[in-house]
Protein backbone atom coordinates (compact mmCIF):
# COMPACT_ATOMS: atom_id res chain seq x y z
CA MET A 1 0.00 0.00 0.00
CA ASN A 2 1.33 3.44 -0.86
CA ALA A 3 0.70 6.72 0.92
CA ILE A 4 -1.82 8.75 -1.14
CA LEU A 5 -1.16 12.48 -1.34
CA SER A 6 -4.03 14.85 -2.09
CA LYS A 7 -2.90 18.46 -1.79
CA LYS A 8 -2.05 18.93 1.93
CA GLU A 9 -3.76 15.79 3.11
CA LEU A 10 -1.66 12.66 3.42
CA MET A 11 -3.39 9.32 3.86
CA VAL A 12 -1.00 6.81 5.38
CA PRO A 13 -1.66 3.04 5.56
CA CYS A 14 -1.26 1.89 9.16
CA LEU A 15 -1.54 -0.84 11.73
CA ARG A 16 -2.88 0.47 15.04
CA ALA A 17 -1.39 -1.17 18.14
CA THR A 18 -0.84 -0.75 21.86
CA MET A 19 2.10 -1.37 24.18
CA GLY A 20 2.04 -0.36 27.81
CA ASP A 21 0.10 2.89 27.90
CA TRP A 22 1.19 3.91 24.39
CA ILE A 23 -1.10 3.77 21.38
CA TYR A 24 1.01 3.75 18.25
CA TYR A 25 0.63 3.42 14.49
CA VAL A 26 2.95 1.37 12.28
CA SER A 27 2.83 3.09 8.90
CA LEU A 28 4.39 3.26 5.45
CA MET A 29 5.63 6.62 4.15
CA LYS A 30 7.48 7.59 1.00
CA PHE A 31 10.91 9.15 1.43
CA GLU A 32 9.66 12.37 -0.14
CA ASP A 33 6.88 12.64 2.45
CA ILE A 34 9.28 11.92 5.30
CA ALA A 35 11.59 14.67 4.04
CA GLU A 36 8.72 17.14 3.80
CA ARG A 37 6.92 16.42 7.05
CA ILE A 38 9.25 14.98 9.72
CA LYS A 39 11.46 17.40 11.63
CA LEU A 40 14.14 16.98 14.30
CA ALA A 41 13.41 16.12 17.91
CA LYS A 42 14.41 19.55 19.23
CA ASP A 43 10.77 20.29 20.10
CA ILE A 44 10.92 17.98 23.10
CA HIS A 45 13.04 20.69 24.78
CA LYS A 46 12.12 24.32 25.30
CA HIS A 47 15.62 25.31 26.44
CA SER A 48 17.52 26.72 23.45
CA GLY A 49 20.81 25.14 24.56
CA LEU A 50 19.26 21.69 24.76
CA LYS A 51 17.65 22.17 21.36
CA GLU A 52 21.09 23.01 19.95
CA LEU A 53 22.58 19.98 21.71
CA LEU A 54 20.18 17.66 19.90
CA GLN A 55 20.94 19.47 16.64
CA ARG A 56 24.69 19.03 17.16
CA THR A 57 24.30 15.29 17.61
CA LEU A 58 23.51 15.11 13.90
CA THR A 59 27.14 14.64 12.96
CA ASP A 60 28.62 13.07 9.85
CA ARG A 61 26.35 10.05 10.31
CA SER A 62 23.58 11.89 8.44
CA PHE A 63 25.92 12.58 5.52
CA ALA A 64 27.08 8.96 5.51
CA ILE A 65 23.49 7.70 5.52
CA GLY A 66 22.70 9.95 2.56
CA GLU A 67 25.72 8.58 0.70
CA TYR A 68 24.64 5.05 1.60
CA LEU A 69 21.17 5.61 0.10
CA CYS A 70 22.64 7.00 -3.11
CA SER A 71 25.34 4.38 -3.62
CA GLN A 72 23.91 1.16 -2.16
CA LYS A 73 21.11 -0.38 -4.24
CA GLN A 74 20.25 -2.79 -1.43
CA HIS A 75 19.70 -0.04 1.15
CA PHE A 76 17.33 -0.78 4.02
CA PHE A 77 16.48 0.86 7.36
CA ASN A 78 14.70 -0.17 10.50
CA ALA A 79 11.67 1.88 11.55
CA ILE A 80 11.73 5.59 12.33
CA ILE A 81 9.75 6.52 15.44
CA ALA A 82 7.99 9.88 15.21
CA GLY A 83 5.97 12.00 17.60
CA ILE A 84 2.93 13.79 16.22
CA TYR A 85 0.93 16.69 17.65
CA LEU A 86 -1.18 19.67 16.60
CA GLY A 87 -3.18 19.53 13.37
CA ASP A 88 -6.00 17.04 13.08
CA PRO A 89 -4.66 13.50 12.59
CA THR A 90 -7.56 11.09 12.16
CA TRP A 91 -7.61 7.33 12.42
CA ASN A 92 -9.90 5.65 9.89
CA GLU A 93 -10.44 1.98 10.55
CA ILE A 94 -10.84 -0.21 7.46
CA GLU A 95 -13.24 -3.11 7.46
CA VAL A 96 -11.40 -6.28 6.56
CA GLY A 97 -13.17 -9.10 4.77
CA GLY A 98 -12.28 -12.71 4.20
CA ASN A 99 -10.97 -14.58 1.18
CA GLU A 100 -11.13 -18.08 -0.23
CA ARG A 101 -9.07 -19.49 2.63
CA ILE A 102 -10.29 -17.43 5.59
CA SER A 103 -13.83 -16.16 6.05
CA ALA A 104 -14.59 -12.80 7.64
CA ASP A 105 -15.97 -14.57 10.73
CA GLU A 106 -12.67 -16.44 11.19
CA LEU A 107 -10.51 -13.31 11.25
CA PRO A 108 -8.95 -12.59 14.68
CA VAL A 109 -10.21 -9.49 16.47
CA LEU A 110 -6.64 -8.13 16.34
CA VAL A 111 -6.83 -8.07 12.54
CA LYS A 112 -10.30 -6.54 12.39
CA ASP A 113 -9.45 -3.72 14.80
CA SER A 114 -5.92 -2.82 13.77
CA ILE A 115 -5.88 -2.03 10.02
CA GLY A 116 -6.68 1.43 8.74
CA ILE A 117 -5.64 4.79 7.35
CA LEU A 118 -4.09 7.64 9.36
CA SER A 119 -5.16 10.88 7.74
CA LEU A 120 -2.72 13.79 8.18
CA SER A 121 -4.09 17.22 7.30
CA GLY A 122 -0.67 18.80 6.79
CA ASN A 123 -1.00 21.08 9.82
CA GLU A 124 0.57 18.54 12.20
CA SER A 125 3.95 18.96 13.81
CA ILE A 126 5.85 15.69 13.38
CA PHE A 127 9.35 15.08 14.73
CA ALA A 128 11.71 12.09 14.86
CA ILE A 129 12.03 10.61 18.33
CA ASP A 130 14.27 7.78 17.14
CA GLY A 131 15.88 7.98 13.69
CA GLN A 132 16.95 11.62 13.38
CA HIS A 133 20.07 10.69 11.42
CA ARG A 134 18.00 8.57 9.03
CA VAL A 135 15.54 11.42 8.44
CA GLU A 136 18.34 13.89 7.72
CA GLY A 137 20.14 11.30 5.58
CA ILE A 138 16.98 10.85 3.50
CA LYS A 139 16.74 14.62 3.03
CA ASN A 140 20.37 14.78 1.91
CA ALA A 141 19.95 11.90 -0.52
CA LEU A 142 16.77 13.16 -2.24
CA GLY A 143 18.60 16.10 -3.76
CA LYS A 144 21.29 13.82 -5.21
CA LYS A 145 19.46 10.82 -6.65
CA LYS A 146 16.31 10.87 -8.77
CA GLY A 147 13.56 8.38 -8.03
CA LEU A 148 14.63 7.86 -4.42
CA GLY A 149 11.61 9.77 -3.15
CA ASN A 150 9.31 6.86 -4.00
CA ASP A 151 11.13 4.46 -1.66
CA GLU A 152 8.92 3.42 1.25
CA GLN A 153 9.98 3.50 4.88
CA THR A 154 8.35 2.16 8.03
CA VAL A 155 7.42 5.00 10.38
CA ILE A 156 5.94 4.37 13.82
CA PHE A 157 3.81 7.28 15.03
CA VAL A 158 3.14 7.95 18.71
CA ALA A 159 0.81 10.65 19.98
CA HIS A 160 2.53 13.62 21.62
CA LYS A 161 0.84 16.29 23.70
CA ASN A 162 2.48 19.70 23.61
CA SER A 163 2.16 20.20 27.36
CA ARG A 164 4.63 19.87 30.19
CA LYS A 165 3.49 16.33 31.00
CA GLY A 166 3.32 15.44 27.32
CA ILE A 167 6.84 16.70 26.68
CA GLU A 168 8.15 14.80 29.71
CA ARG A 169 6.48 11.63 28.44
CA THR A 170 7.96 11.96 24.96
CA ARG A 171 11.37 12.87 26.34
CA ARG A 172 11.31 9.72 28.47
CA LEU A 173 10.49 7.66 25.38
CA PHE A 174 13.37 9.34 23.51
CA SER A 175 15.89 8.46 26.23
CA THR A 176 14.48 4.95 26.77
CA LEU A 177 14.82 4.05 23.09
CA ASN A 178 18.46 5.15 23.11
CA ARG A 179 19.35 3.83 26.55
CA TYR A 180 18.04 0.31 26.09
CA ALA A 181 18.87 -0.11 22.42
CA LYS A 182 21.58 -2.76 22.34
CA PRO A 183 24.61 -1.46 20.40
CA VAL A 184 26.15 -3.68 17.77
CA THR A 185 29.31 -5.28 19.14
CA LEU A 186 32.64 -5.20 17.33
CA ALA A 187 32.47 -8.97 16.97
CA GLU A 188 29.14 -8.64 15.14
CA ILE A 189 30.55 -5.88 12.92
CA ILE A 190 33.53 -8.05 11.98
CA ALA A 191 31.31 -11.04 11.27
CA LEU A 192 28.45 -9.34 9.44
CA ASP A 193 29.18 -5.82 8.23
CA GLU A 194 29.17 -5.62 4.43
CA ASP A 195 30.01 -1.90 4.25
CA ASP A 196 32.99 -1.54 6.62
CA VAL A 197 36.14 -2.04 4.53
CA VAL A 198 38.11 -3.08 7.63
CA ALA A 199 35.58 -5.75 8.61
CA ILE A 200 35.47 -7.04 5.03
CA THR A 201 39.29 -7.13 4.82
CA THR A 202 39.50 -8.89 8.19
CA ARG A 203 37.16 -11.63 6.97
CA GLU A 204 39.10 -11.95 3.73
CA LEU A 205 42.36 -12.46 5.65
CA LEU A 206 40.68 -15.13 7.78
CA GLU A 207 39.64 -16.94 4.60
CA ARG A 208 42.58 -16.35 2.25
CA HIS A 209 45.82 -15.46 4.02
CA GLU A 210 48.44 -18.20 4.24
CA LEU A 211 48.90 -17.85 8.00
CA LEU A 212 45.76 -16.16 9.28
CA SER A 213 43.41 -18.60 7.55
CA GLN A 214 44.84 -21.59 9.42
CA PRO A 215 42.48 -23.15 11.98
CA ASP A 216 42.74 -21.64 15.49
CA ILE A 217 45.43 -19.11 14.52
CA ILE A 218 43.02 -16.24 15.17
CA HIS A 219 40.95 -16.46 18.35
CA VAL A 220 37.35 -15.59 17.46
CA SER A 221 35.31 -14.51 20.48
CA LYS A 222 33.47 -11.50 21.89
CA VAL A 223 36.53 -10.25 23.79
CA LYS A 224 39.79 -8.71 22.60
CA THR A 225 42.13 -10.48 25.00
CA VAL A 226 43.70 -13.90 24.56
CA HIS A 227 44.28 -15.95 27.70
CA ARG A 228 47.80 -17.23 28.19
CA SER A 229 46.42 -20.77 28.47
CA ASN A 230 45.62 -20.60 24.75
CA LYS A 231 48.59 -22.36 23.18
CA LYS A 232 47.47 -22.26 19.55
CA CYS A 233 46.37 -18.81 18.41
CA LEU A 234 48.47 -15.80 17.48
CA THR A 235 45.99 -13.10 18.46
CA SER A 236 42.27 -12.28 18.65
CA VAL A 237 39.98 -11.27 15.81
CA HIS A 238 39.38 -7.98 17.66
CA ALA A 239 43.11 -7.24 17.65
CA LEU A 240 43.38 -8.22 13.98
CA TYR A 241 40.60 -5.76 13.13
CA GLU A 242 42.17 -3.03 15.27
CA VAL A 243 45.59 -3.50 13.66
CA LEU A 244 44.07 -3.23 10.18
CA ASP A 245 42.04 -0.20 11.26
CA ILE A 246 45.34 1.48 12.15
CA ILE A 247 47.53 0.26 9.30
CA LEU A 248 45.17 0.73 6.34
CA PHE A 249 44.49 4.45 6.81
CA SER A 250 46.92 7.34 6.82
CA ASP A 251 46.56 10.50 8.85
CA LYS A 252 45.47 12.24 5.64
CA ASP A 253 42.72 9.64 5.14
CA VAL A 254 41.40 10.44 8.61
CA LYS A 255 41.50 14.21 8.08
CA LYS A 256 39.77 13.92 4.69
CA LYS A 257 37.14 11.63 6.24
CA LEU A 258 38.00 8.92 3.73
CA LYS A 259 38.37 6.42 6.55
CA TYR A 260 34.93 7.33 7.90
CA ARG A 261 33.29 6.90 4.49
CA LEU A 262 35.01 3.58 3.77
CA LYS A 263 33.74 2.19 7.05
CA LYS A 264 30.16 3.30 6.39
CA LEU A 265 29.76 2.92 2.61
CA ARG A 266 30.83 -0.26 0.84
CA PRO A 267 33.48 0.60 -1.79
CA SER A 268 33.83 -1.06 -5.19
CA ASP A 269 35.34 -4.52 -5.50
CA ASP A 270 38.49 -2.97 -7.01
CA ILE A 271 38.99 -0.77 -3.95
CA LEU A 272 38.27 -3.69 -1.61
CA ASN A 273 40.93 -5.68 -3.43
CA GLU A 274 43.43 -2.83 -3.00
CA TYR A 275 42.88 -2.81 0.75
CA TYR A 276 43.20 -6.57 0.93
CA LYS A 277 46.54 -6.37 -0.90
CA LYS A 278 47.77 -3.74 1.59
CA ALA A 279 46.75 -5.94 4.52
CA ASP A 280 48.23 -9.07 2.94
CA TYR A 281 51.50 -7.24 2.22
CA PHE A 282 51.75 -5.96 5.80
CA TRP A 283 51.24 -9.40 7.32
CA ASN A 284 53.65 -11.05 4.91
CA LEU A 285 56.32 -8.53 5.93
CA LEU A 286 55.70 -9.39 9.58
CA ILE A 287 56.07 -13.11 8.85
CA ASN A 288 59.26 -12.59 6.84
CA ASN A 289 60.88 -10.47 9.56
CA PHE A 290 59.75 -12.14 12.78
CA PRO A 291 60.92 -15.78 13.13
CA PRO A 292 58.12 -16.75 15.60
CA LEU A 293 55.53 -15.93 12.94
CA GLN A 294 57.42 -17.89 10.31
CA LEU A 295 57.63 -20.82 12.72
CA LEU A 296 53.90 -20.54 13.38
CA LEU A 297 53.23 -20.56 9.63
CA ASP A 298 55.43 -23.59 9.03
CA SER A 299 54.07 -25.57 11.98
CA GLY A 300 50.41 -24.53 12.01
CA THR A 301 48.56 -25.06 15.28
CA THR A 302 49.36 -28.74 15.69
CA GLU A 303 52.50 -28.16 17.77
CA ASP A 304 51.12 -25.45 20.10
CA ILE A 305 53.86 -23.05 18.94
CA ALA A 306 52.00 -20.00 20.30
CA GLY A 307 52.41 -21.37 23.82
CA ASN A 308 56.13 -20.71 23.54
CA TYR A 309 55.50 -17.02 22.92
CA ARG A 310 52.56 -16.30 25.28
CA HIS A 311 53.09 -17.68 28.76
CA ASN A 312 53.40 -16.88 32.48
CA ASN A 313 56.50 -14.76 31.92
CA GLY A 314 54.81 -12.61 29.29
CA GLY A 315 56.17 -13.84 26.01
CA HIS A 316 56.52 -12.09 22.67
CA LEU A 317 55.06 -8.63 21.99
CA LEU A 318 53.30 -9.77 18.79
CA PHE A 319 51.43 -12.52 20.62
CA ARG A 320 49.62 -10.06 22.90
CA PRO A 321 46.84 -7.80 21.52
CA ALA A 322 48.18 -4.79 23.44
CA GLY A 323 51.64 -5.43 22.02
CA ILE A 324 50.72 -5.86 18.37
CA THR A 325 48.41 -2.82 18.40
CA SER A 326 51.19 -0.71 19.96
CA ILE A 327 53.49 -1.79 17.15
CA ALA A 328 50.79 -1.00 14.56
CA VAL A 329 50.41 2.57 15.86
CA ALA A 330 54.17 3.14 15.61
CA VAL A 331 54.28 1.64 12.10
CA ARG A 332 51.44 3.87 10.92
CA LYS A 333 53.10 7.02 12.28
CA LEU A 334 56.39 6.10 10.63
CA MET A 335 54.59 5.49 7.33
CA ASP A 336 52.82 8.84 7.62
CA ASN A 337 56.28 10.37 8.03
CA GLY A 338 57.27 8.99 4.65
CA LYS A 339 59.28 5.97 5.79
CA ASP A 340 59.26 2.77 3.72
CA LEU A 341 57.20 -0.05 5.21
CA VAL A 342 59.82 -2.69 4.41
CA LYS A 343 62.48 -0.76 6.35
CA ILE A 344 60.06 0.01 9.18
CA ILE A 345 59.23 -3.65 9.80
CA SER A 346 62.90 -4.64 9.43
CA CYS A 347 63.92 -2.00 11.97
CA ILE A 348 61.26 -2.96 14.52
CA SER A 349 62.08 -6.66 14.19
CA GLN A 350 65.55 -5.92 15.62
CA MET A 351 64.11 -4.43 18.82
CA GLU A 352 63.52 -6.21 22.12
CA MET A 353 60.28 -8.20 21.86
CA GLU A 354 60.20 -10.11 25.16
CA LEU A 355 57.66 -8.62 27.53
CA HIS A 356 59.59 -9.48 30.71
CA HIS A 357 62.58 -7.44 29.46
CA GLU A 358 62.97 -3.67 29.38
CA PRO A 359 61.43 -1.45 28.15
CA TRP A 360 58.20 -3.52 28.32
CA SER A 361 58.46 -4.90 31.84
CA GLY A 362 56.50 -2.54 34.07
CA LEU A 363 55.04 -0.75 31.06
CA LEU A 364 53.04 -3.47 29.30
CA TRP A 365 53.82 -6.45 31.52
CA GLU A 366 53.45 -6.71 35.30
CA SER A 367 56.01 -9.32 36.37
CA GLY A 368 54.74 -9.62 39.94
CA SER A 369 51.14 -10.46 39.07
CA LYS A 370 52.13 -11.98 35.73
CA ARG A 371 49.54 -10.07 33.72
CA MET A 372 49.34 -7.52 30.94
CA ILE A 373 48.97 -3.84 31.81
CA MET A 374 46.02 -2.66 29.73
CA GLN A 375 45.96 1.12 30.27
CA LYS A 376 45.72 3.08 27.03
CA LYS A 377 48.36 5.59 28.19
CA ASN A 378 50.86 2.74 28.59
CA ARG A 379 50.19 1.54 25.04
CA ASN A 380 50.70 5.11 23.78
CA ILE A 381 54.04 5.30 25.56
CA ALA A 382 55.00 1.93 24.10
CA SER A 383 54.28 3.19 20.57
CA LYS A 384 56.39 6.29 21.18
CA LEU A 385 59.24 4.15 22.55
CA ILE A 386 59.21 2.07 19.36
CA ILE A 387 59.53 5.26 17.32
CA TYR A 388 62.27 6.42 19.72
CA MET A 389 64.20 3.15 19.25
CA THR A 390 64.26 3.57 15.46
CA GLY A 391 66.73 6.42 16.01
CA ILE A 392 64.65 8.79 13.92
CA ASP A 393 64.35 12.52 14.67
CA LEU A 394 61.54 12.69 17.23
CA SER A 395 60.63 16.27 16.34
CA ASN A 396 59.04 14.91 13.15
CA PHE A 397 56.45 13.19 15.34
CA ASN A 398 55.81 15.99 17.84
CA ILE A 399 57.54 13.88 20.49
CA ASP A 400 59.66 15.69 23.04
CA GLU A 401 62.34 13.31 24.32
CA SER A 402 62.39 14.73 27.85
CA ASN A 403 58.59 14.43 28.07
CA LEU A 404 58.78 10.86 26.80
CA ILE A 405 61.34 10.00 29.46
CA ASN A 406 59.15 11.56 32.15
CA ASP A 407 56.07 9.68 30.90
CA TYR A 408 58.00 6.42 30.78
CA THR A 409 59.46 6.75 34.27
CA SER A 410 56.08 7.84 35.61
CA ALA A 411 54.41 4.74 34.13
CA LEU A 412 57.07 2.56 35.79
CA ASN A 413 56.61 4.50 39.03
CA ARG A 414 60.37 4.84 39.41
CA PRO A 415 62.66 7.88 39.66
CA PRO A 416 64.36 8.99 36.40
CA ASP A 417 67.88 8.30 37.69
CA GLU A 418 66.99 4.59 38.01
CA ILE A 419 65.74 4.35 34.44
CA GLU A 420 67.88 3.64 31.41
CA MET A 421 66.23 4.39 28.09
CA PRO A 422 66.37 1.59 25.48
CA GLU A 423 69.06 1.58 22.84
CA ARG A 424 68.36 3.46 19.62
CA GLN A 425 69.06 2.28 16.09
CA ALA A 426 71.56 4.13 13.93
CA SER A 427 70.07 7.45 12.83
CA ASP A 428 70.79 6.65 9.16
CA PHE A 429 68.77 3.40 9.15
CA PHE A 430 66.06 4.85 6.91
CA THR A 431 68.34 6.71 4.53
């Protein structure tokens, strides 16, 4: 059933339903009618600052949704929930008859009483309670792609009274929908997302890469960490995704919002293949430069090789999610500084990798409790120390050596005169 427009009046096909003390209407509306009639949810606040706060929440997501509608033929949304007040909305119940299979007398009461037309005069005030970004994305897309206005979208209408109690009631619904909506987990994104180039590349590596496609090499679960009792896997699927998220995008990509778009709008197969090649190249360089990874590749998971590099004394930096992501951050910053990836990986492979040795003991590994130190600031310091150990000019990375020393000693909770900074590579390594 399509919404029928006659001048200002809009007749919308609906199902009328109840939940709790809400009466609501599940309707179909064309995109063009949504764009014309549904406004933002700012009207649930009278305070100008709070109105502006709701307006500011419409960030780049609206733009990305508009791009998604224009570029993705298989676009689909869940329902928009809208509040409606003023005007003269009228519910017109439709009598439902039977057919050859079901007679009118056999129809459930729920069917007989719930199908009808919601007539909107055009004088109503309608605003999105849940789905503001989708509404704004639709508006953005209509000006860019012809024919999109005839697409149909589910809109759930709830009655809103423009009184203090009515506004409080609608505001509570607004917060409840957002508070209790279950966010999509990273594991679900990695497994299912067909638009995020990093998720797609992660899955491709798990299926195609010589090492990463081996059974049990990548620990697939809902958590990022890998327990030291796991003797088979290299790292977690979360860490693999995070490493790719760092490595695949330059600082310029982030500033130009290319990274944002490629994680929201599925690129062409050619572009996807380019990103897979980058990821494949990066991992092959790691394998060729780090003997434990080569050993893992040659042996598979049958000999529990990973247990030799992740154990009660810490183990190898690459076999801990916090370690490999710290390395990835340093690699990305060195690449953004114009350094060759082959030389970067070669240089880092010559550094100390054992967690129970300096500079990692006390920074990423707690020897007393035999556990990883997970604080983000410690991982940031670790990445800066890797850059420091390359011997490169730190001023190119906005790193002040004295500040780095202070941060490092502070993280170790030891006085500076007891700390010896790690050895640096020759300054001409990258020349």
